Amino acid sequence: AEALHVRRDFSGEHPVQRPDLRDWDVDVVDLSGDDDPVAA
C-alpha cells in the first residue's frame, strides 16, 4: 500500500508527498499477563 509510506512537504508553493524511507514494523504487544488484557 504505497500511499501509506509517504510524508508531506509543505515548504514549497504547493504541498507534495514524498516517499518515507524510515524503518517500520508490525508491533506485537503481549498483554496476556495483565489483570484485564482488554482494558490494557
Full PDB file with SEQRES, HELIX, SHEET, SSBOND, CRYST1, ORIGX, SCALE, CONECT and MASTER records, all heavy atoms in Angstrom:
SEQRES   1 A   40  ALA GLU ALA LEU HIS VAL ARG ARG ASP PHE SER GLY GLU          
SEQRES   2 A   40  HIS PRO VAL GLN ARG PRO ASP LEU ARG ASP TRP ASP VAL          
SEQRES   3 A   40  ASP VAL VAL ASP LEU SER GLY ASP ASP ASP PRO VAL ALA          
SEQRES   4 A   40  ALA                                                          
HELIX    1 AA1 GLU A    2  LEU A    4  5                                   3    
SHEET    1 AA1 2 VAL A   6  ASP A   9  0                                        
SHEET    2 AA1 2 VAL A  16  PRO A  19 -1                                        
CRYST1    1.000    1.000    1.000  90.00  90.00  90.00 P 1           1          
ORIGX1      1.000000  0.000000  0.000000        0.00000                         
ORIGX2      0.000000  1.000000  0.000000        0.00000                         
ORIGX3      0.000000  0.000000  1.000000        0.00000                         
SCALE1      1.000000  0.000000  0.000000        0.00000                         
SCALE2      0.000000  1.000000  0.000000        0.00000                         
SCALE3      0.000000  0.000000  1.000000        0.00000                         
ATOM      1  N   ALA A   1       0.853  -1.195   0.000  1.00  0.00           N  
ATOM      2  CA  ALA A   1       0.000   0.000   0.000  1.00  0.00           C  
ATOM      3  C   ALA A   1       0.888   1.244   0.000  1.00  0.00           C  
ATOM      4  O   ALA A   1       1.184   1.826   1.046  1.00  0.00           O  
ATOM      5  CB  ALA A   1      -0.933  -0.019   1.209  1.00  0.00           C  
ATOM      6  N   GLU A   2       1.271   1.670  -1.178  1.00  0.00           N  
ATOM      7  CA  GLU A   2       2.268   2.730  -1.320  1.00  0.00           C  
ATOM      8  C   GLU A   2       1.819   4.048  -0.701  1.00  0.00           C  
ATOM      9  O   GLU A   2       2.643   4.838  -0.220  1.00  0.00           O  
ATOM     10  CB  GLU A   2       2.586   2.919  -2.802  1.00  0.00           C  
ATOM     11  CG  GLU A   2       3.863   3.667  -3.089  1.00  0.00           C  
ATOM     12  CD  GLU A   2       4.197   3.644  -4.566  1.00  0.00           C  
ATOM     13  OE1 GLU A   2       4.885   2.696  -4.999  1.00  0.00           O  
ATOM     14  OE2 GLU A   2       3.767   4.563  -5.288  1.00  0.00           O  
ATOM     15  N   ALA A   3       0.532   4.307  -0.700  1.00  0.00           N  
ATOM     16  CA  ALA A   3       0.029   5.575  -0.172  1.00  0.00           C  
ATOM     17  C   ALA A   3       0.326   5.756   1.312  1.00  0.00           C  
ATOM     18  O   ALA A   3       0.312   6.887   1.821  1.00  0.00           O  
ATOM     19  CB  ALA A   3      -1.474   5.677  -0.409  1.00  0.00           C  
ATOM     20  N   LEU A   4       0.592   4.663   2.019  1.00  0.00           N  
ATOM     21  CA  LEU A   4       0.869   4.761   3.451  1.00  0.00           C  
ATOM     22  C   LEU A   4       2.270   5.269   3.732  1.00  0.00           C  
ATOM     23  O   LEU A   4       2.527   5.863   4.784  1.00  0.00           O  
ATOM     24  CB  LEU A   4       0.708   3.382   4.118  1.00  0.00           C  
ATOM     25  CG  LEU A   4      -0.630   2.662   3.952  1.00  0.00           C  
ATOM     26  CD1 LEU A   4      -0.607   1.357   4.744  1.00  0.00           C  
ATOM     27  CD2 LEU A   4      -1.787   3.539   4.383  1.00  0.00           C  
ATOM     28  N   HIS A   5       3.179   5.031   2.818  1.00  0.00           N  
ATOM     29  CA  HIS A   5       4.603   5.256   3.077  1.00  0.00           C  
ATOM     30  C   HIS A   5       5.065   6.584   2.491  1.00  0.00           C  
ATOM     31  O   HIS A   5       5.951   6.641   1.631  1.00  0.00           O  
ATOM     32  CB  HIS A   5       5.412   4.098   2.509  1.00  0.00           C  
ATOM     33  CG  HIS A   5       4.969   2.765   3.016  1.00  0.00           C  
ATOM     34  ND1 HIS A   5       5.329   2.276   4.260  1.00  0.00           N  
ATOM     35  CD2 HIS A   5       4.154   1.823   2.471  1.00  0.00           C  
ATOM     36  CE1 HIS A   5       4.773   1.089   4.440  1.00  0.00           C  
ATOM     37  NE2 HIS A   5       4.057   0.791   3.377  1.00  0.00           N  
ATOM     38  N   VAL A   6       4.445   7.643   2.940  1.00  0.00           N  
ATOM     39  CA  VAL A   6       4.774   8.974   2.439  1.00  0.00           C  
ATOM     40  C   VAL A   6       4.863   9.952   3.607  1.00  0.00           C  
ATOM     41  O   VAL A   6       4.370   9.695   4.707  1.00  0.00           O  
ATOM     42  CB  VAL A   6       3.716   9.484   1.437  1.00  0.00           C  
ATOM     43  CG1 VAL A   6       3.715   8.647   0.177  1.00  0.00           C  
ATOM     44  CG2 VAL A   6       2.324   9.513   2.067  1.00  0.00           C  
ATOM     45  N   ARG A   7       5.490  11.062   3.348  1.00  0.00           N  
ATOM     46  CA  ARG A   7       5.455  12.197   4.260  1.00  0.00           C  
ATOM     47  C   ARG A   7       5.084  13.421   3.437  1.00  0.00           C  
ATOM     48  O   ARG A   7       5.278  13.458   2.222  1.00  0.00           O  
ATOM     49  CB  ARG A   7       6.805  12.406   4.957  1.00  0.00           C  
ATOM     50  CG  ARG A   7       7.977  12.591   4.011  1.00  0.00           C  
ATOM     51  CD  ARG A   7       9.295  12.705   4.758  1.00  0.00           C  
ATOM     52  NE  ARG A   7      10.428  12.719   3.845  1.00  0.00           N  
ATOM     53  CZ  ARG A   7      10.873  13.796   3.206  1.00  0.00           C  
ATOM     54  NH1 ARG A   7      10.262  14.955   3.375  1.00  0.00           N  
ATOM     55  NH2 ARG A   7      11.916  13.727   2.400  1.00  0.00           N  
ATOM     56  N   ARG A   8       4.542  14.411   4.094  1.00  0.00           N  
ATOM     57  CA  ARG A   8       4.109  15.626   3.413  1.00  0.00           C  
ATOM     58  C   ARG A   8       5.188  16.693   3.495  1.00  0.00           C  
ATOM     59  O   ARG A   8       5.856  16.840   4.516  1.00  0.00           O  
ATOM     60  CB  ARG A   8       2.814  16.154   4.025  1.00  0.00           C  
ATOM     61  CG  ARG A   8       1.663  15.163   3.986  1.00  0.00           C  
ATOM     62  CD  ARG A   8       1.226  14.884   2.551  1.00  0.00           C  
ATOM     63  NE  ARG A   8       0.048  14.025   2.519  1.00  0.00           N  
ATOM     64  CZ  ARG A   8       0.063  12.746   2.239  1.00  0.00           C  
ATOM     65  NH1 ARG A   8       1.200  12.152   1.967  1.00  0.00           N  
ATOM     66  NH2 ARG A   8      -1.049  12.030   2.211  1.00  0.00           N  
ATOM     67  N   ASP A   9       5.331  17.443   2.429  1.00  0.00           N  
ATOM     68  CA  ASP A   9       6.265  18.564   2.397  1.00  0.00           C  
ATOM     69  C   ASP A   9       5.476  19.813   2.017  1.00  0.00           C  
ATOM     70  O   ASP A   9       4.977  19.924   0.894  1.00  0.00           O  
ATOM     71  CB  ASP A   9       7.378  18.280   1.379  1.00  0.00           C  
ATOM     72  CG  ASP A   9       8.436  19.378   1.358  1.00  0.00           C  
ATOM     73  OD1 ASP A   9       8.219  20.436   1.981  1.00  0.00           O  
ATOM     74  OD2 ASP A   9       9.486  19.176   0.708  1.00  0.00           O  
ATOM     75  N   PHE A  10       5.345  20.731   2.969  1.00  0.00           N  
ATOM     76  CA  PHE A  10       4.570  21.948   2.755  1.00  0.00           C  
ATOM     77  C   PHE A  10       5.469  23.167   2.546  1.00  0.00           C  
ATOM     78  O   PHE A  10       5.010  24.304   2.628  1.00  0.00           O  
ATOM     79  CB  PHE A  10       3.646  22.202   3.957  1.00  0.00           C  
ATOM     80  CG  PHE A  10       2.672  21.094   4.217  1.00  0.00           C  
ATOM     81  CD1 PHE A  10       2.893  20.175   5.232  1.00  0.00           C  
ATOM     82  CD2 PHE A  10       1.531  20.960   3.440  1.00  0.00           C  
ATOM     83  CE1 PHE A  10       1.993  19.150   5.478  1.00  0.00           C  
ATOM     84  CE2 PHE A  10       0.623  19.938   3.679  1.00  0.00           C  
ATOM     85  CZ  PHE A  10       0.853  19.030   4.691  1.00  0.00           C  
ATOM     86  N   SER A  11       6.756  22.938   2.277  1.00  0.00           N  
ATOM     87  CA  SER A  11       7.709  24.047   2.206  1.00  0.00           C  
ATOM     88  C   SER A  11       7.641  24.822   0.895  1.00  0.00           C  
ATOM     89  O   SER A  11       8.075  25.973   0.834  1.00  0.00           O  
ATOM     90  CB  SER A  11       9.137  23.518   2.411  1.00  0.00           C  
ATOM     91  OG  SER A  11       9.492  22.596   1.385  1.00  0.00           O  
ATOM     92  N   GLY A  12       7.135  24.216  -0.161  1.00  0.00           N  
ATOM     93  CA  GLY A  12       7.089  24.873  -1.459  1.00  0.00           C  
ATOM     94  C   GLY A  12       5.788  25.607  -1.706  1.00  0.00           C  
ATOM     95  O   GLY A  12       4.942  25.760  -0.816  1.00  0.00           O  
ATOM     96  N   GLU A  13       5.617  26.078  -2.943  1.00  0.00           N  
ATOM     97  CA  GLU A  13       4.394  26.789  -3.305  1.00  0.00           C  
ATOM     98  C   GLU A  13       3.180  25.880  -3.208  1.00  0.00           C  
ATOM     99  O   GLU A  13       2.092  26.303  -2.817  1.00  0.00           O  
ATOM    100  CB  GLU A  13       4.525  27.336  -4.725  1.00  0.00           C  
ATOM    101  CG  GLU A  13       3.319  28.139  -5.192  1.00  0.00           C  
ATOM    102  CD  GLU A  13       3.488  28.694  -6.594  1.00  0.00           C  
ATOM    103  OE1 GLU A  13       4.573  28.489  -7.191  1.00  0.00           O  
ATOM    104  OE2 GLU A  13       2.537  29.315  -7.100  1.00  0.00           O  
ATOM    105  N   HIS A  14       3.366  24.613  -3.573  1.00  0.00           N  
ATOM    106  CA  HIS A  14       2.293  23.633  -3.480  1.00  0.00           C  
ATOM    107  C   HIS A  14       2.773  22.446  -2.645  1.00  0.00           C  
ATOM    108  O   HIS A  14       3.916  21.996  -2.802  1.00  0.00           O  
ATOM    109  CB  HIS A  14       1.883  23.155  -4.877  1.00  0.00           C  
ATOM    110  CG  HIS A  14       1.405  24.251  -5.771  1.00  0.00           C  
ATOM    111  ND1 HIS A  14       0.192  24.883  -5.597  1.00  0.00           N  
ATOM    112  CD2 HIS A  14       1.990  24.831  -6.851  1.00  0.00           C  
ATOM    113  CE1 HIS A  14       0.042  25.802  -6.522  1.00  0.00           C  
ATOM    114  NE2 HIS A  14       1.112  25.800  -7.307  1.00  0.00           N  
ATOM    115  N   PRO A  15       1.934  21.917  -1.765  1.00  0.00           N  
ATOM    116  CA  PRO A  15       2.343  20.759  -0.969  1.00  0.00           C  
ATOM    117  C   PRO A  15       2.540  19.525  -1.842  1.00  0.00           C  
ATOM    118  O   PRO A  15       1.858  19.358  -2.856  1.00  0.00           O  
ATOM    119  CB  PRO A  15       1.180  20.569   0.009  1.00  0.00           C  
ATOM    120  CG  PRO A  15       0.008  21.195  -0.675  1.00  0.00           C  
ATOM    121  CD  PRO A  15       0.554  22.345  -1.456  1.00  0.00           C  
ATOM    122  N   VAL A  16       3.482  18.697  -1.465  1.00  0.00           N  
ATOM    123  CA  VAL A  16       3.754  17.467  -2.196  1.00  0.00           C  
ATOM    124  C   VAL A  16       3.884  16.329  -1.197  1.00  0.00           C  
ATOM    125  O   VAL A  16       3.973  16.532   0.017  1.00  0.00           O  
ATOM    126  CB  VAL A  16       5.049  17.566  -3.040  1.00  0.00           C  
ATOM    127  CG1 VAL A  16       4.903  18.615  -4.131  1.00  0.00           C  
ATOM    128  CG2 VAL A  16       6.253  17.866  -2.147  1.00  0.00           C  
ATOM    129  N   GLN A  17       3.891  15.112  -1.706  1.00  0.00           N  
ATOM    130  CA  GLN A  17       4.139  13.934  -0.882  1.00  0.00           C  
ATOM    131  C   GLN A  17       5.357  13.215  -1.414  1.00  0.00           C  
ATOM    132  O   GLN A  17       5.510  13.015  -2.620  1.00  0.00           O  
ATOM    133  CB  GLN A  17       2.916  13.034  -0.835  1.00  0.00           C  
ATOM    134  CG  GLN A  17       2.242  12.749  -2.152  1.00  0.00           C  
ATOM    135  CD  GLN A  17       0.861  12.151  -1.973  1.00  0.00           C  
ATOM    136  OE1 GLN A  17       0.518  11.573  -0.932  1.00  0.00           O  
ATOM    137  NE2 GLN A  17       0.027  12.285  -2.987  1.00  0.00           N  
ATOM    138  N   ARG A  18       6.218  12.853  -0.490  1.00  0.00           N  
ATOM    139  CA  ARG A  18       7.473  12.198  -0.842  1.00  0.00           C  
ATOM    140  C   ARG A  18       7.535  10.838  -0.156  1.00  0.00           C  
ATOM    141  O   ARG A  18       6.913  10.631   0.889  1.00  0.00           O  
ATOM    142  CB  ARG A  18       8.671  13.040  -0.412  1.00  0.00           C  
ATOM    143  CG  ARG A  18       8.673  14.467  -0.929  1.00  0.00           C  
ATOM    144  CD  ARG A  18       9.963  15.187  -0.541  1.00  0.00           C  
ATOM    145  NE  ARG A  18       9.904  16.608  -0.814  1.00  0.00           N  
ATOM    146  CZ  ARG A  18      10.086  17.149  -2.011  1.00  0.00           C  
ATOM    147  NH1 ARG A  18      10.337  16.368  -3.041  1.00  0.00           N  
ATOM    148  NH2 ARG A  18      10.020  18.466  -2.174  1.00  0.00           N  
ATOM    149  N   PRO A  19       8.302   9.916  -0.707  1.00  0.00           N  
ATOM    150  CA  PRO A  19       8.424   8.601  -0.056  1.00  0.00           C  
ATOM    151  C   PRO A  19       9.051   8.729   1.318  1.00  0.00           C  
ATOM    152  O   PRO A  19       9.986   9.503   1.517  1.00  0.00           O  
ATOM    153  CB  PRO A  19       9.321   7.814  -1.019  1.00  0.00           C  
ATOM    154  CG  PRO A  19      10.065   8.863  -1.790  1.00  0.00           C  
ATOM    155  CD  PRO A  19       9.112  10.006  -1.925  1.00  0.00           C  
ATOM    156  N   ASP A  20       8.508   8.010   2.256  1.00  0.00           N  
ATOM    157  CA  ASP A  20       9.033   7.971   3.623  1.00  0.00           C  
ATOM    158  C   ASP A  20       9.826   6.681   3.764  1.00  0.00           C  
ATOM    159  O   ASP A  20       9.259   5.586   3.787  1.00  0.00           O  
ATOM    160  CB  ASP A  20       7.881   8.017   4.628  1.00  0.00           C  
ATOM    161  CG  ASP A  20       8.373   8.187   6.053  1.00  0.00           C  
ATOM    162  OD1 ASP A  20       9.573   7.992   6.289  1.00  0.00           O  
ATOM    163  OD2 ASP A  20       7.550   8.511   6.927  1.00  0.00           O  
ATOM    164  N   LEU A  21      11.138   6.811   3.862  1.00  0.00           N  
ATOM    165  CA  LEU A  21      12.008   5.637   3.860  1.00  0.00           C  
ATOM    166  C   LEU A  21      12.400   5.176   5.259  1.00  0.00           C  
ATOM    167  O   LEU A  21      13.323   4.391   5.414  1.00  0.00           O  
ATOM    168  CB  LEU A  21      13.269   5.939   3.034  1.00  0.00           C  
ATOM    169  CG  LEU A  21      13.003   6.381   1.588  1.00  0.00           C  
ATOM    170  CD1 LEU A  21      14.317   6.633   0.868  1.00  0.00           C  
ATOM    171  CD2 LEU A  21      12.195   5.326   0.852  1.00  0.00           C  
ATOM    172  N   ARG A  22      11.692   5.674   6.274  1.00  0.00           N  
ATOM    173  CA  ARG A  22      12.009   5.235   7.628  1.00  0.00           C  
ATOM    174  C   ARG A  22      11.628   3.775   7.839  1.00  0.00           C  
ATOM    175  O   ARG A  22      10.679   3.271   7.244  1.00  0.00           O  
ATOM    176  CB  ARG A  22      11.274   6.106   8.643  1.00  0.00           C  
ATOM    177  CG  ARG A  22      11.942   7.444   8.897  1.00  0.00           C  
ATOM    178  CD  ARG A  22      11.073   8.331   9.737  1.00  0.00           C  
ATOM    179  NE  ARG A  22       9.915   8.787   8.981  1.00  0.00           N  
ATOM    180  CZ  ARG A  22       9.375   9.979   9.118  1.00  0.00           C  
ATOM    181  NH1 ARG A  22       9.887  10.830   9.966  1.00  0.00           N  
ATOM    182  NH2 ARG A  22       8.315  10.331   8.418  1.00  0.00           N  
ATOM    183  N   ASP A  23      12.390   3.124   8.715  1.00  0.00           N  
ATOM    184  CA  ASP A  23      12.065   1.748   9.082  1.00  0.00           C  
ATOM    185  C   ASP A  23      10.728   1.717   9.821  1.00  0.00           C  
ATOM    186  O   ASP A  23      10.368   2.650  10.533  1.00  0.00           O  
ATOM    187  CB  ASP A  23      13.147   1.163   9.991  1.00  0.00           C  
ATOM    188  CG  ASP A  23      14.477   0.996   9.281  1.00  0.00           C  
ATOM    189  OD1 ASP A  23      14.465   0.740   8.065  1.00  0.00           O  
ATOM    190  OD2 ASP A  23      15.520   1.140   9.937  1.00  0.00           O  
ATOM    191  N   TRP A  24      10.003   0.634   9.651  1.00  0.00           N  
ATOM    192  CA  TRP A  24       8.753   0.449  10.377  1.00  0.00           C  
ATOM    193  C   TRP A  24       8.582  -1.032  10.648  1.00  0.00           C  
ATOM    194  O   TRP A  24       9.273  -1.871  10.076  1.00  0.00           O  
ATOM    195  CB  TRP A  24       7.556   0.995   9.582  1.00  0.00           C  
ATOM    196  CG  TRP A  24       7.267   0.239   8.316  1.00  0.00           C  
ATOM    197  CD1 TRP A  24       7.910   0.347   7.129  1.00  0.00           C  
ATOM    198  CD2 TRP A  24       6.278  -0.784   8.143  1.00  0.00           C  
ATOM    199  NE1 TRP A  24       7.383  -0.523   6.215  1.00  0.00           N  
ATOM    200  CE2 TRP A  24       6.376  -1.237   6.799  1.00  0.00           C  
ATOM    201  CE3 TRP A  24       5.308  -1.356   8.973  1.00  0.00           C  
ATOM    202  CZ2 TRP A  24       5.545  -2.225   6.282  1.00  0.00           C  
ATOM    203  CZ3 TRP A  24       4.488  -2.338   8.447  1.00  0.00           C  
ATOM    204  CH2 TRP A  24       4.598  -2.753   7.126  1.00  0.00           C  
ATOM    205  N   ASP A  25       7.661  -1.347  11.516  1.00  0.00           N  
ATOM    206  CA  ASP A  25       7.452  -2.747  11.872  1.00  0.00           C  
ATOM    207  C   ASP A  25       6.000  -2.970  12.266  1.00  0.00           C  
ATOM    208  O   ASP A  25       5.263  -2.021  12.518  1.00  0.00           O  
ATOM    209  CB  ASP A  25       8.370  -3.135  13.036  1.00  0.00           C  
ATOM    210  CG  ASP A  25       8.777  -4.599  12.994  1.00  0.00           C  
ATOM    211  OD1 ASP A  25       8.082  -5.387  12.322  1.00  0.00           O  
ATOM    212  OD2 ASP A  25       9.781  -4.955  13.624  1.00  0.00           O  
ATOM    213  N   VAL A  26       5.601  -4.216  12.283  1.00  0.00           N  
ATOM    214  CA  VAL A  26       4.296  -4.607  12.819  1.00  0.00           C  
ATOM    215  C   VAL A  26       4.518  -4.930  14.287  1.00  0.00           C  
ATOM    216  O   VAL A  26       5.128  -5.953  14.619  1.00  0.00           O  
ATOM    217  CB  VAL A  26       3.718  -5.827  12.071  1.00  0.00           C  
ATOM    218  CG1 VAL A  26       2.364  -6.204  12.666  1.00  0.00           C  
ATOM    219  CG2 VAL A  26       3.615  -5.548  10.580  1.00  0.00           C  
ATOM    220  N   ASP A  27       4.076  -4.062  15.161  1.00  0.00           N  
ATOM    221  CA  ASP A  27       4.303  -4.274  16.588  1.00  0.00           C  
ATOM    222  C   ASP A  27       3.494  -5.465  17.086  1.00  0.00           C  
ATOM    223  O   ASP A  27       2.337  -5.649  16.706  1.00  0.00           O  
ATOM    224  CB  ASP A  27       3.900  -3.030  17.380  1.00  0.00           C  
ATOM    225  CG  ASP A  27       4.753  -1.823  17.033  1.00  0.00           C  
ATOM    226  OD1 ASP A  27       5.978  -1.963  16.989  1.00  0.00           O  
ATOM    227  OD2 ASP A  27       4.172  -0.743  16.808  1.00  0.00           O  
ATOM    228  N   VAL A  28       4.112  -6.266  17.923  1.00  0.00           N  
ATOM    229  CA  VAL A  28       3.423  -7.347  18.615  1.00  0.00           C  
ATOM    230  C   VAL A  28       3.545  -7.059  20.107  1.00  0.00           C  
ATOM    231  O   VAL A  28       4.649  -6.998  20.649  1.00  0.00           O  
ATOM    232  CB  VAL A  28       4.019  -8.727  18.282  1.00  0.00           C  
ATOM    233  CG1 VAL A  28       3.307  -9.823  19.089  1.00  0.00           C  
ATOM    234  CG2 VAL A  28       3.917  -9.006  16.791  1.00  0.00           C  
ATOM    235  N   VAL A  29       2.402  -6.832  20.755  1.00  0.00           N  
ATOM    236  CA  VAL A  29       2.377  -6.433  22.156  1.00  0.00           C  
ATOM    237  C   VAL A  29       1.641  -7.507  22.944  1.00  0.00           C  
ATOM    238  O   VAL A  29       0.452  -7.757  22.728  1.00  0.00           O  
ATOM    239  CB  VAL A  29       1.670  -5.074  22.327  1.00  0.00           C  
ATOM    240  CG1 VAL A  29       1.704  -4.641  23.790  1.00  0.00           C  
ATOM    241  CG2 VAL A  29       2.299  -4.022  21.422  1.00  0.00           C  
ATOM    242  N   ASP A  30       2.346  -8.141  23.855  1.00  0.00           N  
ATOM    243  CA  ASP A  30       1.761  -9.219  24.659  1.00  0.00           C  
ATOM    244  C   ASP A  30       1.170  -8.637  25.936  1.00  0.00           C  
ATOM    245  O   ASP A  30       1.897  -8.204  26.836  1.00  0.00           O  
ATOM    246  CB  ASP A  30       2.832 -10.262  24.994  1.00  0.00           C  
ATOM    247  CG  ASP A  30       2.239 -11.506  25.651  1.00  0.00           C  
ATOM    248  OD1 ASP A  30       1.017 -11.511  25.948  1.00  0.00           O  
ATOM    249  OD2 ASP A  30       2.992 -12.477  25.881  1.00  0.00           O  
ATOM    250  N   LEU A  31      -0.141  -8.629  26.016  1.00  0.00           N  
ATOM    251  CA  LEU A  31      -0.853  -8.117  27.185  1.00  0.00           C  
ATOM    252  C   LEU A  31      -1.537  -9.238  27.957  1.00  0.00           C  
ATOM    253  O   LEU A  31      -2.340  -8.979  28.850  1.00  0.00           O  
ATOM    254  CB  LEU A  31      -1.894  -7.086  26.755  1.00  0.00           C  
ATOM    255  CG  LEU A  31      -1.352  -5.858  26.005  1.00  0.00           C  
ATOM    256  CD1 LEU A  31      -2.505  -5.020  25.464  1.00  0.00           C  
ATOM    257  CD2 LEU A  31      -0.463  -5.025  26.903  1.00  0.00           C  
ATOM    258  N   SER A  32      -1.213 -10.466  27.613  1.00  0.00           N  
ATOM    259  CA  SER A  32      -1.920 -11.607  28.192  1.00  0.00           C  
ATOM    260  C   SER A  32      -1.691 -11.741  29.695  1.00  0.00           C  
ATOM    261  O   SER A  32      -2.510 -12.351  30.395  1.00  0.00           O  
ATOM    262  CB  SER A  32      -1.512 -12.904  27.494  1.00  0.00           C  
ATOM    263  OG  SER A  32      -0.107 -13.136  27.620  1.00  0.00           O  
ATOM    264  N   GLY A  33      -0.609 -11.180  30.204  1.00  0.00           N  
ATOM    265  CA  GLY A  33      -0.326 -11.286  31.629  1.00  0.00           C  
ATOM    266  C   GLY A  33      -0.980 -10.201  32.459  1.00  0.00           C  
ATOM    267  O   GLY A  33      -0.902 -10.234  33.698  1.00  0.00           O  
ATOM    268  N   ASP A  34      -1.645  -9.258  31.809  1.00  0.00           N  
ATOM    269  CA  ASP A  34      -2.300  -8.174  32.538  1.00  0.00           C  
ATOM    270  C   ASP A  34      -3.559  -8.686  33.230  1.00  0.00           C  
ATOM    271  O   ASP A  34      -4.215  -9.622  32.756  1.00  0.00           O  
ATOM    272  CB  ASP A  34      -2.648  -7.049  31.574  1.00  0.00           C  
ATOM    273  CG  ASP A  34      -2.957  -5.748  32.284  1.00  0.00           C  
ATOM    274  OD1 ASP A  34      -4.134  -5.547  32.679  1.00  0.00           O  
ATOM    275  OD2 ASP A  34      -2.022  -4.944  32.465  1.00  0.00           O  
ATOM    276  N   ASP A  35      -3.925  -8.058  34.347  1.00  0.00           N  
ATOM    277  CA  ASP A  35      -5.138  -8.462  35.062  1.00  0.00           C  
ATOM    278  C   ASP A  35      -6.382  -8.308  34.193  1.00  0.00           C  
ATOM    279  O   ASP A  35      -7.320  -9.094  34.297  1.00  0.00           O  
ATOM    280  CB  ASP A  35      -5.295  -7.642  36.351  1.00  0.00           C  
ATOM    281  CG  ASP A  35      -4.241  -7.981  37.391  1.00  0.00           C  
ATOM    282  OD1 ASP A  35      -3.649  -9.085  37.282  1.00  0.00           O  
ATOM    283  OD2 ASP A  35      -3.996  -7.147  38.287  1.00  0.00           O  
ATOM    284  N   ASP A  36      -6.390  -7.278  33.342  1.00  0.00           N  
ATOM    285  CA  ASP A  36      -7.514  -7.032  32.437  1.00  0.00           C  
ATOM    286  C   ASP A  36      -6.937  -6.709  31.061  1.00  0.00           C  
ATOM    287  O   ASP A  36      -6.753  -5.543  30.714  1.00  0.00           O  
ATOM    288  CB  ASP A  36      -8.378  -5.877  32.947  1.00  0.00           C  
ATOM    289  CG  ASP A  36      -9.674  -5.717  32.145  1.00  0.00           C  
ATOM    290  OD1 ASP A  36      -9.750  -6.259  31.018  1.00  0.00           O  
ATOM    291  OD2 ASP A  36     -10.603  -5.048  32.644  1.00  0.00           O  
ATOM    292  N   PRO A  37      -6.630  -7.752  30.272  1.00  0.00           N  
ATOM    293  CA  PRO A  37      -5.972  -7.523  28.985  1.00  0.00           C  
ATOM    294  C   PRO A  37      -6.754  -6.629  28.028  1.00  0.00           C  
ATOM    295  O   PRO A  37      -6.162  -5.838  27.295  1.00  0.00           O  
ATOM    296  CB  PRO A  37      -5.826  -8.943  28.418  1.00  0.00           C  
ATOM    297  CG  PRO A  37      -5.838  -9.835  29.605  1.00  0.00           C  
ATOM    298  CD  PRO A  37      -6.792  -9.179  30.555  1.00  0.00           C  
ATOM    299  N   VAL A  38      -8.077  -6.752  28.039  1.00  0.00           N  
ATOM    300  CA  VAL A  38      -8.890  -5.932  27.128  1.00  0.00           C  
ATOM    301  C   VAL A  38      -8.763  -4.456  27.493  1.00  0.00           C  
ATOM    302  O   VAL A  38      -8.568  -3.590  26.626  1.00  0.00           O  
ATOM    303  CB  VAL A  38     -10.364  -6.384  27.149  1.00  0.00           C  
ATOM    304  CG1 VAL A  38     -11.232  -5.409  26.361  1.00  0.00           C  
ATOM    305  CG2 VAL A  38     -10.487  -7.790  26.582  1.00  0.00           C  
ATOM    306  N   ALA A  39      -8.874  -4.141  28.779  1.00  0.00           N  
ATOM    307  CA  ALA A  39      -8.732  -2.754  29.220  1.00  0.00           C  
ATOM    308  C   ALA A  39      -7.331  -2.240  28.918  1.00  0.00           C  
ATOM    309  O   ALA A  39      -7.153  -1.085  28.498  1.00  0.00           O  
ATOM    310  CB  ALA A  39      -9.034  -2.644  30.712  1.00  0.00           C  
ATOM    311  N   ALA A  40      -6.332  -3.098  29.123  1.00  0.00           N  
ATOM    312  CA  ALA A  40      -4.958  -2.702  28.835  1.00  0.00           C  
ATOM    313  C   ALA A  40      -4.772  -2.419  27.345  1.00  0.00           C  
ATOM    314  O   ALA A  40      -4.063  -1.485  26.955  1.00  0.00           O  
ATOM    315  CB  ALA A  40      -3.998  -3.798  29.288  1.00  0.00           C  
TER     316      ALA A  40                                                      
MASTER        0    0    0    1    2    0    0    6  315    1    0    4          
END                                                                             
